C-alpha atoms as a PDB file:
ATOM      1  CA  MET A   1     114.558  11.849 -26.121  1.00  0.00           C
ATOM      2  CA  PRO A   2     112.201  15.334 -25.988  1.00  0.00           C
ATOM      3  CA  ILE A   3     110.370  15.823 -22.092  1.00  0.00           C
ATOM      4  CA  LEU A   4     107.096  15.029 -21.252  1.00  0.00           C
ATOM      5  CA  PHE A   5     105.460  17.420 -19.896  1.00  0.00           C
ATOM      6  CA  ALA A   6     103.338  18.247 -17.008  1.00  0.00           C
ATOM      7  CA  ALA A   7     100.862  21.669 -15.481  1.00  0.00           C
ATOM      8  CA  PRO A   8     103.746  23.589 -13.392  1.00  0.00           C
ATOM      9  CA  ARG A   9     102.498  22.889  -9.503  1.00  0.00           C
ATOM     10  CA  ARG A  10     102.981  26.091  -8.864  1.00  0.00           C
ATOM     11  CA  PRO A  11     103.433  29.567 -10.970  1.00  0.00           C
ATOM     12  CA  LEU A  12     106.932  31.379  -9.597  1.00  0.00           C
ATOM     13  CA  ARG A  13     107.098  34.488  -8.114  1.00  0.00           C
ATOM     14  CA  LEU A  14     109.133  37.439  -9.266  1.00  0.00           C
ATOM     15  CA  HIS A  15     112.451  37.362  -6.903  1.00  0.00           C
ATOM     16  CA  LYS A  16     112.545  40.655  -4.794  1.00  0.00           C
ATOM     17  CA  THR A  17     116.182  41.774  -6.600  1.00  0.00           C
ATOM     18  CA  PHE A  18     114.199  42.480  -9.797  1.00  0.00           C
ATOM     19  CA  CYS A  19     110.940  44.335  -8.027  1.00  0.00           C
ATOM     20  CA  SER A  20     113.556  46.339  -5.821  1.00  0.00           C
ATOM     21  CA  ARG A  21     114.553  47.599  -9.062  1.00  0.00           C
ATOM     22  CA  HIS A  22     111.667  48.108 -11.475  1.00  0.00           C
ATOM     23  CA  ARG A  23     109.670  50.127  -8.644  1.00  0.00           C
ATOM     24  CA  GLY A  24     107.324  52.267 -10.725  1.00  0.00           C
ATOM     25  CA  ALA A  25     108.432  51.453 -13.181  1.00  0.00           C
ATOM     26  CA  ARG A  26     106.424  51.731 -16.199  1.00  0.00           C
ATOM     27  CA  PHE A  27     107.299  48.934 -18.580  1.00  0.00           C
ATOM     28  CA  SER A  28     106.999  46.294 -15.031  1.00  0.00           C
ATOM     29  CA  LEU A  29     104.495  44.807 -16.344  1.00  0.00           C
ATOM     30  CA  LYS A  30     105.846  44.784 -19.852  1.00  0.00           C
ATOM     31  CA  VAL A  31     108.832  43.211 -19.016  1.00  0.00           C
ATOM     32  CA  LEU A  32     107.891  40.317 -16.697  1.00  0.00           C
ATOM     33  CA  ARG A  33     105.574  38.942 -19.533  1.00  0.00           C
ATOM     34  CA  SER A  34     108.066  38.879 -21.635  1.00  0.00           C
ATOM     35  CA  LEU A  35     110.608  36.925 -19.444  1.00  0.00           C
ATOM     36  CA  TRP A  36     107.934  34.564 -18.688  1.00  0.00           C
ATOM     37  CA  ARG A  37     106.838  34.182 -22.489  1.00  0.00           C
ATOM     38  CA  ILE A  38     111.027  33.570 -23.438  1.00  0.00           C
ATOM     39  CA  VAL A  39     111.127  31.291 -20.572  1.00  0.00           C
ATOM     40  CA  ASP A  40     108.354  29.053 -21.546  1.00  0.00           C
ATOM     41  CA  GLU A  41     109.782  28.402 -25.141  1.00  0.00           C
ATOM     42  CA  CYS A  42     113.056  28.097 -23.114  1.00  0.00           C
ATOM     43  CA  VAL A  43     111.700  25.031 -21.928  1.00  0.00           C
ATOM     44  CA  LYS A  44     110.577  23.413 -25.077  1.00  0.00           C
ATOM     45  CA  SER A  45     114.152  22.890 -26.522  1.00  0.00           C
ATOM     46  CA  ASN A  46     117.934  23.426 -25.808  1.00  0.00           C
ATOM     47  CA  THR A  47     118.398  27.584 -26.655  1.00  0.00           C
ATOM     48  CA  ILE A  48     121.004  29.851 -25.992  1.00  0.00           C
ATOM     49  CA  LEU A  49     119.257  33.067 -25.159  1.00  0.00           C
ATOM     50  CA  ALA A  50     121.136  36.262 -27.431  1.00  0.00           C
ATOM     51  CA  LEU A  51     121.147  37.836 -23.725  1.00  0.00           C
ATOM     52  CA  SER A  52     121.374  41.518 -25.419  1.00  0.00           C
ATOM     53  CA  SER A  53     118.643  40.976 -27.211  1.00  0.00           C
ATOM     54  CA  VAL A  54     116.341  40.380 -24.083  1.00  0.00           C
ATOM     55  CA  CYS A  55     117.803  43.537 -22.703  1.00  0.00           C
ATOM     56  CA  ASP A  56     117.787  45.827 -25.613  1.00  0.00           C
ATOM     57  CA  ASP A  57     113.711  45.522 -26.261  1.00  0.00           C
ATOM     58  CA  ASN A  58     112.971  45.838 -23.148  1.00  0.00           C
ATOM     59  CA  GLY A  59     114.877  48.434 -22.043  1.00  0.00           C
ATOM     60  CA  LEU A  60     116.486  46.960 -19.272  1.00  0.00           C
ATOM     61  CA  GLY A  61     119.993  48.612 -19.829  1.00  0.00           C
ATOM     62  CA  SER A  62     122.649  47.336 -17.241  1.00  0.00           C
ATOM     63  CA  LEU A  63     120.236  45.019 -15.166  1.00  0.00           C
ATOM     64  CA  ASP A  64     121.466  41.893 -17.565  1.00  0.00           C
ATOM     65  CA  GLN A  65     122.267  40.220 -13.916  1.00  0.00           C
ATOM     66  CA  ALA A  66     118.660  41.006 -12.369  1.00  0.00           C
ATOM     67  CA  VAL A  67     117.116  38.956 -15.707  1.00  0.00           C
ATOM     68  CA  LYS A  68     119.621  36.421 -16.055  1.00  0.00           C
ATOM     69  CA  GLU A  69     118.996  35.790 -12.666  1.00  0.00           C
ATOM     70  CA  PHE A  70     115.048  35.511 -13.120  1.00  0.00           C
ATOM     71  CA  VAL A  71     115.302  33.983 -16.397  1.00  0.00           C
ATOM     72  CA  VAL A  72     118.077  30.642 -14.914  1.00  0.00           C
ATOM     73  CA  LEU A  73     115.811  29.876 -11.680  1.00  0.00           C
ATOM     74  CA  ARG A  74     112.421  30.320 -13.487  1.00  0.00           C
ATOM     75  CA  PHE A  75     114.101  27.652 -16.333  1.00  0.00           C
ATOM     76  CA  CYS A  76     115.409  25.212 -13.805  1.00  0.00           C
ATOM     77  CA  ARG A  77     112.026  25.786 -11.576  1.00  0.00           C
ATOM     78  CA  LEU A  78     109.699  25.014 -14.874  1.00  0.00           C
ATOM     79  CA  CYS A  79     111.558  21.638 -16.288  1.00  0.00           C
ATOM     80  CA  ILE A  80     111.922  20.543 -12.501  1.00  0.00           C
ATOM     81  CA  ASP A  81     108.070  20.941 -12.621  1.00  0.00           C
ATOM     82  CA  THR A  82     107.002  19.839 -15.549  1.00  0.00           C
ATOM     83  CA  ALA A  83     109.413  16.592 -16.201  1.00  0.00           C
ATOM     84  CA  LEU A  84     107.005  13.543 -15.889  1.00  0.00           C
ATOM     85  CA  VAL A  85     109.601  10.729 -15.955  1.00  0.00           C
ATOM     86  CA  GLY A  86     113.296  10.551 -14.971  1.00  0.00           C
ATOM     87  CA  ALA A  87     115.545  13.338 -12.602  1.00  0.00           C
ATOM     88  CA  LYS A  88     113.719  15.463 -11.344  1.00  0.00           C
ATOM     89  CA  LYS A  89     116.869  18.390 -10.434  1.00  0.00           C
ATOM     90  CA  ALA A  90     118.544  20.996 -11.945  1.00  0.00           C
ATOM     91  CA  CYS A  91     122.071  22.846 -12.266  1.00  0.00           C
ATOM     92  CA  ILE A  92     123.116  26.033 -12.726  1.00  0.00           C
ATOM     93  CA  LEU A  93     126.566  26.362 -13.800  1.00  0.00           C
ATOM     94  CA  ALA A  94     128.631  29.862 -13.743  1.00  0.00           C
ATOM     95  CA  PRO A  95     132.170  30.845 -14.408  1.00  0.00           C
ATOM     96  CA  THR A  96     133.567  32.632 -11.292  1.00  0.00           C
ATOM     97  CA  VAL A  97     132.494  32.403  -7.552  1.00  0.00           C
ATOM     98  CA  PRO A  98     130.940  35.616  -7.065  1.00  0.00           C
ATOM     99  CA  MET A  99     128.462  34.602 -10.250  1.00  0.00           C
ATOM    100  CA  VAL A 100     127.862  31.247  -8.220  1.00  0.00           C
ATOM    101  CA  LYS A 101     126.601  32.937  -4.953  1.00  0.00           C
ATOM    102  CA  GLU A 102     125.015  36.102  -6.790  1.00  0.00           C
ATOM    103  CA  TYR A 103     122.865  33.258  -8.030  1.00  0.00           C
ATOM    104  CA  ASN A 104     122.988  31.733  -4.985  1.00  0.00           C
ATOM    105  CA  ALA A 105     121.760  34.869  -3.349  1.00  0.00           C
ATOM    106  CA  ALA A 106     118.396  35.527  -5.845  1.00  0.00           C
ATOM    107  CA  ALA A 107     117.401  31.995  -4.867  1.00  0.00           C
ATOM    108  CA  MET A 108     117.428  32.314  -1.188  1.00  0.00           C
ATOM    109  CA  ARG A 109     115.767  35.740  -1.644  1.00  0.00           C
ATOM    110  CA  THR A 110     112.946  33.967  -3.367  1.00  0.00           C
ATOM    111  CA  PRO A 111     111.183  31.854  -0.246  1.00  0.00           C
ATOM    112  CA  GLY A 112     109.696  28.734  -1.250  1.00  0.00           C
ATOM    113  CA  LEU A 113     110.974  28.766  -5.098  1.00  0.00           C
ATOM    114  CA  LEU A 114     113.727  25.718  -4.780  1.00  0.00           C
ATOM    115  CA  LEU A 115     115.789  24.083  -1.966  1.00  0.00           C
ATOM    116  CA  THR A 116     119.350  24.839  -3.518  1.00  0.00           C
ATOM    117  CA  GLN A 117     122.779  24.009  -1.863  1.00  0.00           C
ATOM    118  CA  LEU A 118     125.710  26.266  -3.213  1.00  0.00           C
ATOM    119  CA  ILE A 119     128.775  24.377  -4.213  1.00  0.00           C
ATOM    120  CA  ILE A 120     131.788  26.282  -4.784  1.00  0.00           C
ATOM    121  CA  GLY A 121     135.827  25.573  -4.078  1.00  0.00           C
ATOM    122  CA  THR A 122     136.147  24.860   0.010  1.00  0.00           C
ATOM    123  CA  ALA A 123     137.916  22.282   2.286  1.00  0.00           C
ATOM    124  CA  ASP A 124     134.975  20.536   2.955  1.00  0.00           C
ATOM    125  CA  VAL A 125     134.069  19.810  -0.730  1.00  0.00           C
ATOM    126  CA  ASP A 126     137.273  19.539  -1.795  1.00  0.00           C
ATOM    127  CA  VAL A 127     137.185  15.854   0.122  1.00  0.00           C
ATOM    128  CA  TRP A 128     133.595  14.658  -1.254  1.00  0.00           C
ATOM    129  CA  GLU A 129     133.256  11.041  -2.326  1.00  0.00           C
ATOM    130  CA  ARG A 130     130.412  10.330  -3.563  1.00  0.00           C
ATOM    131  CA  LYS A 131     128.114   9.352  -1.211  1.00  0.00           C
ATOM    132  CA  ASP A 132     128.352  13.197  -0.138  1.00  0.00           C
ATOM    133  CA  TRP A 133     127.475  13.724  -4.062  1.00  0.00           C
ATOM    134  CA  ARG A 134     124.799  12.168  -4.026  1.00  0.00           C
ATOM    135  CA  ASN A 135     123.285  13.612  -0.698  1.00  0.00           C
ATOM    136  CA  VAL A 136     123.127  17.180  -1.774  1.00  0.00           C
ATOM    137  CA  VAL A 137     121.656  15.745  -5.025  1.00  0.00           C
ATOM    138  CA  GLU A 138     118.745  13.677  -2.905  1.00  0.00           C
ATOM    139  CA  GLN A 139     118.084  16.408  -0.612  1.00  0.00           C
ATOM    140  CA  ASN A 140     118.199  19.164  -2.769  1.00  0.00           C
ATOM    141  CA  ASP A 141     116.277  20.201  -6.073  1.00  0.00           C
ATOM    142  CA  LEU A 142     118.819  22.774  -7.446  1.00  0.00           C
ATOM    143  CA  LEU A 143     122.284  22.825  -7.357  1.00  0.00           C
ATOM    144  CA  ILE A 144     124.754  25.895  -8.255  1.00  0.00           C
ATOM    145  CA  CYS A 145     127.945  25.577  -8.739  1.00  0.00           C
ATOM    146  CA  THR A 146     131.536  26.571 -10.620  1.00  0.00           C
ATOM    147  CA  PRO A 147     132.182  24.054 -13.890  1.00  0.00           C
ATOM    148  CA  GLN A 148     135.592  22.791 -13.116  1.00  0.00           C
ATOM    149  CA  LEU A 149     133.783  20.810  -9.861  1.00  0.00           C
ATOM    150  CA  PHE A 150     130.778  19.950 -11.192  1.00  0.00           C
ATOM    151  CA  PHE A 151     133.446  18.112 -14.192  1.00  0.00           C
ATOM    152  CA  ASP A 152     135.159  16.746 -11.550  1.00  0.00           C
ATOM    153  CA  ALA A 153     132.299  15.774  -9.619  1.00  0.00           C
ATOM    154  CA  LEU A 154     131.230  13.883 -13.482  1.00  0.00           C
ATOM    155  CA  ARG A 155     134.746  12.645 -14.549  1.00  0.00           C
ATOM    156  CA  SER A 156     134.740  10.977 -10.609  1.00  0.00           C
ATOM    157  CA  GLU A 157     131.454   9.446 -11.244  1.00  0.00           C
ATOM    158  CA  HIS A 158     129.948  11.085  -8.224  1.00  0.00           C
ATOM    159  CA  ILE A 159     127.770  12.490 -10.029  1.00  0.00           C
ATOM    160  CA  ALA A 160     125.837  11.688 -13.369  1.00  0.00           C
ATOM    161  CA  MET A 161     124.370  13.946 -15.975  1.00  0.00           C
ATOM    162  CA  ASP A 162     120.955  11.473 -16.262  1.00  0.00           C
ATOM    163  CA  MET A 163     120.407  13.182 -12.606  1.00  0.00           C
ATOM    164  CA  PHE A 164     119.095  16.352 -14.106  1.00  0.00           C
ATOM    165  CA  CYS A 165     116.272  17.314 -16.692  1.00  0.00           C
ATOM    166  CA  ALA A 166     118.037  20.777 -16.789  1.00  0.00           C
ATOM    167  CA  ILE A 167     121.328  22.493 -16.439  1.00  0.00           C
ATOM    168  CA  ALA A 168     122.023  26.357 -17.172  1.00  0.00           C
ATOM    169  CA  PHE A 169     125.415  27.722 -18.870  1.00  0.00           C
ATOM    170  CA  ASP A 170     126.186  31.445 -17.776  1.00  0.00           C
ATOM    171  CA  GLU A 171     128.783  33.623 -19.863  1.00  0.00           C
ATOM    172  CA  CYS A 172     127.665  30.311 -22.692  1.00  0.00           C
ATOM    173  CA  GLN A 173     130.473  31.463 -24.586  1.00  0.00           C
ATOM    174  CA  HIS A 174     132.801  29.028 -22.496  1.00  0.00           C
ATOM    175  CA  CYS A 175     130.454  26.552 -23.887  1.00  0.00           C
ATOM    176  CA  ILE A 176     133.611  26.222 -26.654  1.00  0.00           C
ATOM    177  CA  GLY A 177     137.619  25.424 -26.419  1.00  0.00           C
ATOM    178  CA  SER A 178     139.453  24.005 -23.264  1.00  0.00           C
ATOM    179  CA  HIS A 179     136.815  25.243 -20.328  1.00  0.00           C
ATOM    180  CA  PRO A 180     135.287  23.009 -18.101  1.00  0.00           C
ATOM    181  CA  MET A 181     131.939  24.153 -19.640  1.00  0.00           C
ATOM    182  CA  ALA A 182     133.245  22.913 -23.317  1.00  0.00           C
ATOM    183  CA  GLN A 183     134.301  19.743 -21.535  1.00  0.00           C
ATOM    184  CA  ILE A 184     130.828  18.739 -19.667  1.00  0.00           C
ATOM    185  CA  LEU A 185     129.613  19.013 -22.537  1.00  0.00           C
ATOM    186  CA  ALA A 186     132.032  16.945 -25.097  1.00  0.00           C
ATOM    187  CA  LYS A 187     131.855  14.175 -22.589  1.00  0.00           C
ATOM    188  CA  TYR A 188     128.605  14.156 -21.126  1.00  0.00           C
ATOM    189  CA  LEU A 189     125.611  16.265 -23.253  1.00  0.00           C
ATOM    190  CA  GLY A 190     123.252  13.579 -24.812  1.00  0.00           C
ATOM    191  CA  LYS A 191     124.667   9.806 -23.849  1.00  0.00           C
ATOM    192  CA  PRO A 192     120.989   7.405 -24.173  1.00  0.00           C
ATOM    193  CA  GLY A 193     118.696   7.838 -21.522  1.00  0.00           C
ATOM    194  CA  GLN A 194     119.297  11.307 -20.422  1.00  0.00           C
ATOM    195  CA  ASN A 195     115.765  13.842 -20.074  1.00  0.00           C
ATOM    196  CA  LEU A 196     118.022  16.551 -20.233  1.00  0.00           C
ATOM    197  CA  ARG A 197     117.334  20.534 -20.873  1.00  0.00           C
ATOM    198  CA  VAL A 198     119.831  22.813 -21.663  1.00  0.00           C
ATOM    199  CA  LEU A 199     120.127  26.172 -20.891  1.00  0.00           C
ATOM    200  CA  GLY A 200     122.564  29.103 -22.316  1.00  0.00           C
ATOM    201  CA  LEU A 201     122.867  32.796 -21.913  1.00  0.00           C
ATOM    202  CA  GLY A 202     125.350  34.854 -23.256  1.00  0.00           C
ATOM    203  CA  ARG A 203     125.335  38.424 -24.891  1.00  0.00           C
ATOM    204  CA  GLN A 204     130.006  38.478 -25.576  1.00  0.00           C
ATOM    205  CA  LEU A 205     128.999  36.574 -28.825  1.00  0.00           C
ATOM    206  CA  PHE A 206     126.058  38.376 -29.467  1.00  0.00           C
ATOM    207  CA  LYS A 207     127.351  42.002 -29.358  1.00  0.00           C
ATOM    208  CA  ARG A 208     126.906  43.417 -33.538  1.00  0.00           C
ATOM    209  CA  LYS A 209     130.585  44.585 -33.195  1.00  0.00           C
ATOM    210  CA  TYR A 210     131.804  41.031 -32.218  1.00  0.00           C
ATOM    211  CA  ARG A 211     128.631  39.604 -35.125  1.00  0.00           C
ATOM    212  CA  LYS A 212     131.112  39.215 -38.254  1.00  0.00           C
ATOM    213  CA  ARG A 213     133.766  37.167 -36.709  1.00  0.00           C
ATOM    214  CA  ALA A 214     131.678  34.377 -34.584  1.00  0.00           C
ATOM    215  CA  GLU A 215     129.930  33.934 -36.923  1.00  0.00           C
ATOM    216  CA  GLU A 216     131.701  30.703 -36.910  1.00  0.00           C
ATOM    217  CA  ALA A 217     131.784  30.800 -33.061  1.00  0.00           C
ATOM    218  CA  VAL A 218     128.300  30.614 -32.876  1.00  0.00           C
ATOM    219  CA  LYS A 219     128.134  27.967 -34.640  1.00  0.00           C
ATOM    220  CA  GLN A 220     129.958  25.458 -33.062  1.00  0.00           C
ATOM    221  CA  LEU A 221     128.462  26.889 -30.044  1.00  0.00           C
ATOM    222  CA  GLU A 222     125.092  25.975 -31.361  1.00  0.00           C
ATOM    223  CA  ILE A 223     127.002  22.287 -32.175  1.00  0.00           C
ATOM    224  CA  ALA A 224     128.282  21.893 -28.786  1.00  0.00           C
ATOM    225  CA  MET A 225     125.459  22.568 -26.503  1.00  0.00           C
ATOM    226  CA  GLN A 226     123.061  20.629 -29.419  1.00  0.00           C
ATOM    227  CA  ALA A 227     121.288  24.191 -29.609  1.00  0.00           C
ATOM    228  CA  HIS A 228     120.257  27.179 -30.851  1.00  0.00           C
ATOM    229  CA  VAL A 229     120.737  31.055 -31.071  1.00  0.00           C
ATOM    230  CA  ARG A 230     117.479  32.442 -30.097  1.00  0.00           C
ATOM    231  CA  HIS A 231     116.734  35.783 -30.006  1.00  0.00           C
ATOM    232  CA  GLY A 232     114.299  37.780 -27.513  1.00  0.00           C
ATOM    233  CA  TYR A 233     111.758  39.257 -29.732  1.00  0.00           C
ATOM    234  CA  GLU A 234     111.746  35.770 -31.209  1.00  0.00           C
ATOM    235  CA  LEU A 235     110.164  34.261 -28.524  1.00  0.00           C
ATOM    236  CA  MET A 236     108.330  37.241 -26.826  1.00  0.00           C
END
């Protein structure tokens, strides 16, 4: 079922990390405008974004993490702002605890962006019941979580996918195979009543040296995520 859209309530500000790394750079304004256009297109349909093309086209070099933070946070914000029906919550899944913490730090550096909850494996989280998970979802706009914890919560029916309007998968090559990301998609994506937009970000599968042997994997990824691979130059 397609998502209905409304005008965003307020624009998303560029977070401090990205600004500080580009201060004084001649291409910073061009990069900003390009990334905004890219995310605007990603919100329209499920997308797997070939991050290497975004970075290469904009001359960002090694600033992959700053680009990912901006793209993912703006994607979540736009999906929340433009969803007219159903859930208005988003989730970011990253495969490691340090990556999850980086996303949380980026969100915290942007005051007023989204109410965010970081969820990692701790003694407190390990004993959460249904009411604890539901309270966290209700009280926040955005969950930032490791895939295993999110999958365990879905499997225990503490939360449901229809509670979210957007979910972003970083390092989305893990969405095929036996990884928790793959199990989340296989078992919970595409159920009746979902009003969910999906974004995947990855670099490994899209590097030139891997392209030939990765063609089949990319096809599997598109099927698993019910999405299409898009490159930055296609969306700008």
